[in-house]
Protein backbone atom coordinates (compact mmCIF):
# COMPACT_ATOMS: atom_id res chain seq x y z
CA MET A 1 -134.49 -68.60 25.32
CA THR A 2 -134.53 -64.91 24.40
CA ILE A 3 -137.14 -62.61 25.91
CA PRO A 4 -137.54 -59.41 23.87
CA ASN A 5 -137.28 -56.02 25.52
CA PRO A 6 -140.22 -53.84 24.37
CA SER A 7 -138.35 -50.68 25.40
CA SER A 8 -135.12 -51.36 23.49
CA HIS A 9 -135.85 -48.92 20.66
CA THR A 10 -133.84 -45.70 20.38
CA LEU A 11 -134.78 -42.22 19.27
CA ASP A 12 -131.50 -41.00 17.74
CA PRO A 13 -132.16 -37.24 17.90
CA TYR A 14 -132.95 -37.62 21.58
CA ASP A 15 -130.07 -39.83 22.70
CA ALA A 16 -128.41 -37.02 24.67
CA PHE A 17 -131.66 -36.19 26.42
CA ARG A 18 -132.26 -39.87 27.20
CA GLU A 19 -128.78 -40.10 28.71
CA GLU A 20 -129.40 -36.98 30.80
CA LEU A 21 -132.59 -38.54 32.14
CA ARG A 22 -130.85 -41.85 32.80
CA GLN A 23 -128.03 -40.23 34.76
CA PHE A 24 -130.48 -38.17 36.79
CA ALA A 25 -132.61 -41.21 37.64
CA GLU A 26 -129.50 -43.18 38.57
CA SER A 27 -128.00 -40.51 40.80
CA GLU A 28 -131.02 -38.76 42.32
CA CYS A 29 -133.62 -41.45 43.00
CA PRO A 30 -132.64 -43.13 46.29
CA PRO A 31 -131.77 -46.85 45.93
CA ALA A 32 -134.15 -47.77 48.75
CA LEU A 33 -137.01 -46.08 46.89
CA LYS A 34 -136.12 -47.91 43.68
CA GLU A 35 -136.23 -51.18 45.60
CA VAL A 36 -139.73 -50.33 46.84
CA VAL A 37 -140.86 -49.81 43.25
CA ARG A 38 -138.99 -52.81 41.84
CA THR A 39 -140.49 -55.19 44.38
CA ASN A 40 -144.01 -53.78 43.98
CA GLN A 41 -144.29 -52.49 47.52
CA LYS A 42 -146.66 -49.66 48.31
CA VAL A 43 -145.09 -46.24 47.74
CA THR A 44 -145.87 -43.96 50.68
CA ARG A 45 -146.75 -40.29 50.51
CA ASN A 46 -143.36 -39.39 51.93
CA GLU A 47 -141.60 -41.47 49.28
CA TYR A 48 -143.62 -39.81 46.52
CA ARG A 49 -142.68 -36.45 48.06
CA ILE A 50 -138.96 -37.27 48.11
CA TRP A 51 -138.97 -38.01 44.38
CA GLN A 52 -141.15 -34.99 43.54
CA GLU A 53 -138.80 -32.70 45.45
CA LYS A 54 -135.85 -34.05 43.45
CA LEU A 55 -137.68 -33.43 40.18
CA PHE A 56 -138.87 -30.00 41.28
CA ALA A 57 -135.34 -28.94 42.22
CA ARG A 58 -134.13 -30.02 38.76
CA GLY A 59 -136.94 -28.08 37.04
CA TRP A 60 -138.72 -31.27 35.99
CA GLY A 61 -141.54 -31.18 38.52
CA ALA A 62 -144.31 -31.05 35.89
CA PRO A 63 -143.25 -32.59 32.56
CA ASN A 64 -146.71 -32.08 31.06
CA TRP A 65 -147.43 -28.55 32.31
CA PRO A 66 -146.91 -25.34 30.32
CA VAL A 67 -143.80 -23.33 31.14
CA GLU A 68 -145.91 -20.44 32.46
CA TYR A 69 -147.10 -22.63 35.35
CA GLY A 70 -143.71 -24.14 36.13
CA GLY A 71 -143.74 -26.91 33.53
CA THR A 72 -140.82 -28.09 31.42
CA GLY A 73 -141.93 -27.03 27.96
CA TRP A 74 -140.83 -30.45 26.66
CA ASP A 75 -142.02 -31.69 23.32
CA LEU A 76 -143.97 -34.90 22.74
CA GLN A 77 -140.97 -37.23 22.54
CA GLN A 78 -139.27 -35.69 25.57
CA ARG A 79 -142.41 -36.15 27.65
CA TYR A 80 -142.62 -39.79 26.69
CA LEU A 81 -138.89 -40.40 27.19
CA PHE A 82 -139.11 -39.00 30.71
CA GLU A 83 -141.78 -41.55 31.62
CA GLU A 84 -139.97 -44.37 29.83
CA VAL A 85 -136.54 -43.80 31.36
CA THR A 86 -137.81 -43.28 34.90
CA ALA A 87 -139.97 -46.41 34.64
CA GLN A 88 -137.01 -48.47 33.40
CA ALA A 89 -134.94 -47.16 36.31
CA ASP A 90 -137.64 -48.20 38.82
CA CYS A 91 -138.29 -44.63 39.93
CA PRO A 92 -141.83 -44.13 41.26
CA PRO A 93 -144.41 -42.45 39.06
CA GLN A 94 -145.33 -38.92 40.02
CA TYR A 95 -148.43 -38.59 42.17
CA HIS A 96 -151.16 -38.05 39.59
CA HIS A 97 -154.18 -36.50 41.31
CA GLY A 98 -152.53 -33.11 41.50
CA LEU A 99 -150.14 -32.97 38.55
CA GLY A 100 -152.17 -34.96 36.05
CA HIS A 101 -155.75 -34.39 37.13
CA ILE A 102 -156.82 -31.27 39.01
CA GLY A 103 -153.76 -29.17 38.13
CA PRO A 104 -154.63 -28.86 34.42
CA VAL A 105 -158.29 -28.23 35.32
CA ILE A 106 -157.28 -25.33 37.59
CA MET A 107 -155.11 -23.95 34.79
CA HIS A 108 -158.05 -24.08 32.36
CA PHE A 109 -160.99 -23.05 34.56
CA GLY A 110 -159.46 -21.47 37.67
CA THR A 111 -159.27 -17.84 38.72
CA PRO A 112 -155.87 -16.13 39.03
CA GLU A 113 -156.20 -16.43 42.81
CA GLN A 114 -156.90 -20.16 42.60
CA LYS A 115 -153.93 -20.71 40.29
CA ALA A 116 -151.64 -18.78 42.63
CA ARG A 117 -152.94 -20.63 45.69
CA PHE A 118 -152.99 -24.23 44.48
CA LEU A 119 -150.62 -24.80 41.55
CA PRO A 120 -147.29 -24.09 43.33
CA ARG A 121 -148.13 -26.55 46.12
CA ILE A 122 -149.05 -29.23 43.61
CA LEU A 123 -145.81 -28.60 41.75
CA ASP A 124 -143.49 -28.91 44.74
CA GLY A 125 -145.37 -31.90 46.18
CA SER A 126 -146.33 -30.21 49.44
CA GLU A 127 -150.09 -30.58 48.90
CA TRP A 128 -151.86 -33.83 48.02
CA TRP A 129 -155.25 -34.16 46.38
CA CYS A 130 -157.96 -36.79 46.10
CA GLN A 131 -160.96 -37.04 43.78
CA GLY A 132 -164.52 -36.91 45.14
CA TYR A 133 -166.55 -38.12 42.17
CA SER A 134 -168.25 -41.51 42.61
CA GLU A 135 -171.11 -42.06 45.04
CA PRO A 136 -172.97 -45.21 46.17
CA GLY A 137 -175.66 -44.48 43.57
CA ALA A 138 -173.53 -42.67 41.00
CA GLY A 139 -170.56 -44.55 39.64
CA SER A 140 -170.72 -45.21 35.91
CA ASP A 141 -173.72 -42.87 35.78
CA LEU A 142 -171.77 -40.11 37.48
CA ALA A 143 -174.25 -37.36 36.57
CA SER A 144 -176.77 -38.98 38.94
CA LEU A 145 -174.75 -37.80 41.95
CA LYS A 146 -176.75 -36.50 44.91
CA THR A 147 -174.18 -34.89 47.22
CA ALA A 148 -175.69 -31.43 47.68
CA ALA A 149 -174.07 -28.03 48.13
CA VAL A 150 -176.35 -25.22 49.28
CA ARG A 151 -175.12 -21.64 49.23
CA ASP A 152 -175.12 -19.89 52.61
CA GLY A 153 -173.64 -16.42 52.36
CA ASP A 154 -170.05 -16.68 51.20
CA HIS A 155 -169.92 -20.46 51.79
CA TYR A 156 -171.37 -23.64 50.36
CA VAL A 157 -172.70 -26.19 52.85
CA ILE A 158 -172.09 -29.73 51.59
CA ASN A 159 -173.95 -32.87 52.65
CA GLY A 160 -173.51 -36.28 51.07
CA GLN A 161 -171.20 -39.22 50.55
CA LYS A 162 -168.40 -40.14 48.17
CA ILE A 163 -167.02 -43.63 47.58
CA TRP A 164 -163.90 -45.29 46.11
CA THR A 165 -161.94 -42.14 46.96
CA SER A 166 -158.27 -43.05 46.53
CA HIS A 167 -155.80 -41.57 49.04
CA ALA A 168 -158.49 -39.65 50.93
CA GLN A 169 -156.90 -40.86 54.17
CA GLU A 170 -153.76 -38.79 53.49
CA ALA A 171 -154.92 -36.03 51.14
CA ASP A 172 -154.87 -32.34 52.02
CA MET A 173 -157.50 -31.34 49.45
CA MET A 174 -160.36 -32.97 47.57
CA TYR A 175 -161.81 -31.79 44.28
CA THR A 176 -165.40 -32.91 44.42
CA LEU A 177 -168.52 -32.79 42.27
CA VAL A 178 -171.64 -31.57 44.06
CA ARG A 179 -175.20 -30.82 43.06
CA THR A 180 -176.04 -27.12 43.34
CA SER A 181 -179.33 -27.33 41.41
CA ASN A 182 -182.00 -29.90 40.55
CA GLU A 183 -183.34 -27.89 37.61
CA GLY A 184 -182.98 -29.04 34.00
CA ARG A 185 -180.76 -31.89 32.82
CA LYS A 186 -178.93 -33.68 35.61
CA GLN A 187 -175.55 -32.57 34.22
CA ALA A 188 -176.62 -28.92 34.37
CA GLY A 189 -176.87 -28.70 38.15
CA ILE A 190 -173.38 -29.98 38.97
CA SER A 191 -170.54 -27.81 40.30
CA LEU A 192 -166.91 -28.53 41.20
CA LEU A 193 -165.63 -27.47 44.62
CA LEU A 194 -162.11 -27.56 46.07
CA VAL A 195 -162.46 -28.84 49.62
CA PRO A 196 -159.79 -28.82 52.37
CA MET A 197 -159.82 -32.29 53.94
CA ASP A 198 -159.37 -30.90 57.46
CA THR A 199 -162.70 -29.06 57.25
CA PRO A 200 -165.04 -29.97 60.14
CA GLY A 201 -167.72 -32.47 59.12
CA ILE A 202 -165.54 -34.67 56.90
CA GLU A 203 -165.16 -38.32 57.90
CA VAL A 204 -162.98 -40.80 55.99
CA ARG A 205 -163.55 -44.55 56.35
CA PRO A 206 -161.31 -47.15 54.65
CA ILE A 207 -162.78 -49.69 52.21
CA PRO A 208 -161.05 -53.11 52.44
CA THR A 209 -159.70 -54.43 49.13
CA ILE A 210 -158.54 -57.89 48.09
CA ASP A 211 -154.85 -57.00 48.31
CA HIS A 212 -155.30 -55.65 51.86
CA TRP A 213 -153.62 -52.36 51.09
CA HIS A 214 -155.39 -49.14 52.01
CA HIS A 215 -156.16 -47.63 48.62
CA VAL A 216 -159.76 -46.43 48.68
CA ASN A 217 -162.24 -44.89 51.09
CA GLU A 218 -165.72 -43.68 51.77
CA VAL A 219 -165.90 -39.95 52.48
CA PHE A 220 -168.86 -38.60 54.44
CA LEU A 221 -169.63 -34.87 54.33
CA ASN A 222 -171.94 -33.53 57.02
CA ASP A 223 -172.61 -29.77 56.98
CA VAL A 224 -169.16 -29.14 55.52
CA ARG A 225 -168.65 -25.42 54.91
CA VAL A 226 -166.48 -24.48 51.94
CA PRO A 227 -165.79 -20.89 50.82
CA CYS A 228 -167.49 -19.86 47.59
CA ALA A 229 -164.02 -18.78 46.46
CA ASN A 230 -163.26 -22.52 46.15
CA LEU A 231 -165.81 -22.97 43.35
CA LEU A 232 -163.86 -23.98 40.24
CA GLY A 233 -165.36 -22.51 37.10
CA VAL A 234 -169.00 -21.44 36.94
CA GLU A 235 -171.70 -22.73 39.28
CA GLY A 236 -173.74 -25.37 37.49
CA GLU A 237 -171.04 -25.99 34.89
CA GLY A 238 -168.93 -28.46 36.84
CA TRP A 239 -169.72 -31.18 34.31
CA LYS A 240 -167.49 -29.36 31.82
CA CYS A 241 -164.65 -29.51 34.33
CA ALA A 242 -165.35 -33.19 35.02
CA LYS A 243 -165.25 -34.15 31.34
CA PHE A 244 -162.09 -32.10 30.80
CA LEU A 245 -160.44 -33.98 33.66
CA LEU A 246 -161.68 -37.47 32.76
CA ASP A 247 -160.37 -37.21 29.21
CA ARG A 248 -156.91 -36.42 30.58
CA GLU A 249 -157.13 -38.98 33.39
CA ARG A 250 -157.56 -41.70 30.76
CA LEU A 251 -154.59 -40.29 28.84
CA SER A 252 -151.88 -40.88 31.43
CA PRO A 253 -148.41 -40.62 29.82
CA ALA A 254 -146.95 -42.89 32.53
CA THR A 255 -149.27 -45.85 31.86
CA VAL A 256 -147.55 -47.33 28.81
CA PRO A 257 -143.95 -47.10 30.09
CA ARG A 258 -145.06 -48.74 33.34
CA LEU A 259 -146.68 -51.52 31.28
CA ALA A 260 -143.40 -51.92 29.40
CA ARG A 261 -141.56 -52.30 32.71
CA LEU A 262 -144.13 -54.87 33.84
CA ALA A 263 -143.55 -56.79 30.61
CA GLU A 264 -139.83 -56.81 31.41
CA GLN A 265 -140.56 -58.19 34.88
CA VAL A 266 -142.75 -60.93 33.43
CA GLY A 267 -139.91 -61.82 31.06
CA GLU A 268 -137.50 -61.93 34.00
CA LEU A 269 -139.89 -64.24 35.82
CA LEU A 270 -140.12 -66.55 32.82
CA ARG A 271 -136.32 -66.71 32.56
CA ALA A 272 -135.97 -67.36 36.29
CA ARG A 273 -138.52 -70.19 36.31
CA GLY A 274 -136.90 -71.76 33.24
CA ALA A 275 -133.42 -71.50 34.73
CA GLY A 276 -134.61 -73.14 37.93
CA GLY A 277 -135.80 -76.21 36.09
CA SER A 278 -139.36 -75.99 37.39
CA ALA A 279 -142.15 -76.91 35.02
CA PRO A 280 -144.61 -74.09 34.36
CA SER A 281 -148.31 -74.73 34.13
CA ALA A 282 -148.25 -74.38 30.35
CA SER A 283 -145.53 -75.18 27.83
CA GLN A 284 -142.80 -72.61 27.38
CA HIS A 285 -143.64 -71.97 23.75
CA VAL A 286 -147.24 -71.11 24.64
CA LEU A 287 -146.11 -68.77 27.41
CA LEU A 288 -143.56 -67.19 25.09
CA GLU A 289 -146.18 -66.67 22.41
CA ARG A 290 -148.48 -64.96 24.90
CA LEU A 291 -145.64 -62.77 26.16
CA TYR A 292 -144.59 -61.83 22.62
CA LEU A 293 -148.17 -60.84 21.81
CA ALA A 294 -148.44 -58.79 25.00
CA GLN A 295 -145.15 -57.04 24.28
CA ALA A 296 -146.35 -56.28 20.77
CA GLY A 297 -149.43 -54.86 22.46
CA VAL A 298 -147.21 -52.59 24.57
CA ALA A 299 -145.55 -51.31 21.39
CA GLY A 300 -148.97 -50.67 19.87
CA ALA A 301 -150.11 -48.87 23.01
CA ARG A 302 -147.04 -46.65 22.78
CA GLU A 303 -148.00 -45.52 19.28
CA MET A 304 -151.59 -44.92 20.41
CA LEU A 305 -150.35 -42.83 23.34
CA LEU A 306 -147.96 -40.71 21.27
CA SER A 307 -150.68 -40.00 18.73
CA ALA A 308 -153.17 -39.10 21.46
CA ILE A 309 -150.70 -36.82 23.27
CA GLN A 310 -149.98 -35.04 19.99
CA GLU A 311 -153.69 -34.43 19.46
CA GLU A 312 -154.09 -33.31 23.08
CA MET A 313 -151.29 -30.78 22.62
CA GLN A 314 -153.03 -29.49 19.47
CA GLY A 315 -156.44 -29.35 21.16
CA THR A 316 -157.96 -31.90 18.77
CA LEU A 317 -158.12 -34.98 21.02
CA ALA A 318 -161.43 -36.85 20.78
CA ALA A 319 -162.80 -38.42 23.97
CA SER A 320 -163.06 -41.74 22.16
CA LYS A 321 -159.30 -41.88 21.63
CA SER A 322 -158.43 -41.51 25.30
CA SER A 323 -161.17 -44.03 26.12
CA ALA A 324 -159.75 -46.49 23.57
CA LEU A 325 -156.28 -46.14 25.10
CA LYS A 326 -157.62 -46.61 28.62
CA LEU A 327 -159.61 -49.67 27.55
CA TYR A 328 -156.66 -51.21 25.72
CA CYS A 329 -154.12 -50.61 28.50
CA SER A 330 -156.47 -51.92 31.20
CA ASP A 331 -156.91 -55.19 29.33
CA LEU A 332 -153.21 -55.39 28.52
CA SER A 333 -152.17 -54.96 32.15
CA GLN A 334 -154.42 -57.84 33.19
CA GLN A 335 -153.06 -60.00 30.37
CA LEU A 336 -149.47 -59.42 31.47
CA ILE A 337 -150.05 -60.17 35.11
CA GLY A 338 -152.10 -63.24 34.15
CA ILE A 339 -149.11 -64.54 32.19
CA ALA A 340 -146.98 -64.09 35.31
CA LEU A 341 -149.31 -66.27 37.36
CA ASP A 342 -149.41 -68.95 34.67
CA ILE A 343 -145.61 -68.99 34.60
CA ALA A 344 -145.58 -69.65 38.33
CA GLY A 345 -148.20 -72.38 38.11
CA PRO A 346 -151.75 -72.53 39.49
CA GLU A 347 -150.95 -74.20 42.81
CA TYR A 348 -148.34 -71.66 43.86
CA ALA A 349 -150.38 -68.69 42.70
CA ALA A 350 -153.55 -69.94 44.37
CA ARG A 351 -151.67 -70.54 47.62
CA LEU A 352 -150.40 -66.98 47.70
CA VAL A 353 -153.78 -65.48 46.88
CA ASP A 354 -155.48 -67.67 49.49
CA THR A 355 -152.90 -66.61 52.06
CA VAL A 356 -153.65 -62.96 51.51
CA ALA A 357 -157.41 -63.51 51.58
CA ALA A 358 -157.31 -65.68 54.70
CA THR A 359 -154.90 -63.75 56.91
CA GLY A 360 -155.52 -60.17 55.87
CA GLN A 361 -151.77 -59.62 55.82
CA GLU A 362 -149.79 -58.05 53.04
CA VAL A 363 -147.51 -60.35 51.07
CA ALA A 364 -143.97 -59.44 52.00
CA SER A 365 -141.54 -58.50 49.25
CA ASP A 366 -138.78 -61.01 48.55
CA ALA A 367 -136.04 -60.20 46.05
CA ASP A 368 -135.42 -63.92 45.51
CA ASP A 369 -139.05 -64.69 44.67
CA PRO A 370 -140.27 -62.78 41.58
CA LEU A 371 -143.85 -63.98 41.97
CA ARG A 372 -144.10 -62.40 45.40
CA GLN A 373 -143.04 -59.15 43.76
CA LEU A 374 -145.97 -59.39 41.33
CA ILE A 375 -148.77 -60.81 43.45
CA HIS A 376 -149.98 -57.45 44.77
CA THR A 377 -149.93 -56.11 41.24
CA TYR A 378 -152.15 -58.99 40.15
CA LEU A 379 -154.64 -58.37 42.94
CA PHE A 380 -154.68 -54.61 42.43
CA TYR A 381 -154.98 -54.85 38.64
CA ARG A 382 -158.36 -56.55 38.98
CA SER A 383 -159.63 -53.00 39.43
CA ARG A 384 -158.02 -51.66 36.25
CA THR A 385 -161.12 -52.34 34.15
CA ILE A 386 -163.30 -50.52 36.71
CA ALA A 387 -161.34 -47.55 38.08
CA GLY A 388 -161.37 -44.35 36.05
CA GLY A 389 -164.48 -45.47 34.20
CA THR A 390 -165.41 -49.09 33.56
CA SER A 391 -164.52 -50.82 30.32
CA GLU A 392 -168.21 -50.83 29.45
CA VAL A 393 -168.35 -47.05 29.83
CA GLN A 394 -165.28 -46.66 27.60
CA LYS A 395 -166.93 -48.79 24.91
CA ASN A 396 -170.02 -46.59 25.07
CA VAL A 397 -167.89 -43.46 24.65
CA ILE A 398 -166.15 -44.99 21.64
CA ALA A 399 -169.46 -46.11 20.10
CA ARG A 400 -171.04 -42.68 20.49
CA ASP A 401 -168.09 -41.07 18.75
CA LEU A 402 -168.02 -43.60 15.91
CA PHE A 403 -171.73 -43.98 15.30
CA GLY A 404 -173.16 -40.77 16.74
CA ALA A 405 -175.40 -42.71 19.12
């Protein structure tokens, strides 16, 4: 039985660059860290930092940033190859909230002082960020947010609550949307503030999730004073910043190569179960057909991503394209991990899921048990069609662009 490798293509003009990346990933990413990634364990902040410091020292700390801000100046194919090769080598992805999210927003909307203060610390990995967007009453309808910021001299005083805030428990800074005015359209009164997480009045509470890893939080802000100098862009025009960020959040260059690596792992699982003589829950030819289709989907997602990145570099990217890619990849990730569970069989998969739900303990990694390596991914990927904008929201964005609704 032959399982295809969706990442086996070559880009001849870039072979030397690919080899340079491969050698760097092999020699510089610690083996223990690769094992954490390979076995789907949680990557800690310190482990992210170790890898970012290696990349920063090599001059590769920000593959997608302009050279003037410390980026690589790589072209489209080089940017993709970096993500592909490091994913294949089981290196961790770079921490995205700084490099991929708020960093480009600061470049576009920030003052010279803000750029000088924040960008170097994002680049070297010394400062971590979280995103304060969603609220209990403002998730998909984000513009309905109620967290208020009232100006008091040279400070804003913030009161309100944020929810589903990833990594708030370990972040140094939060970029957060606040309401500075109730006049006019609801989008018009929103501003974006950069908030130090050690500011008095901030309380972070964990939100339990099905995989029992600490991903997300509630963040309560009670009379939190933030300097007016931390206003990003113009007061009342934070919605522009938010849209700028969300379009790029949905266009993550690392997503597709990580899906390709997941497809490889599912293929490895199928080979291992077949070699062991155990009978899967469905016939092998059905599982193979599903895997082939998913791997074809990964190849299609790659072409979508490359096209979208090209348009983003040219300043012509439509919001609907990044939404389409996010929608497609979210569904594809759930398809792949669903195939993995069907390979293992319903009884085994259900037993593992029930164990996690009943005991509240994390499933330990086991190099001899591929399903255990994937079970946390399955549980976490249930959120893929919700986080970063629900699939329903993405469909609305696409429809508005296509039909002008």
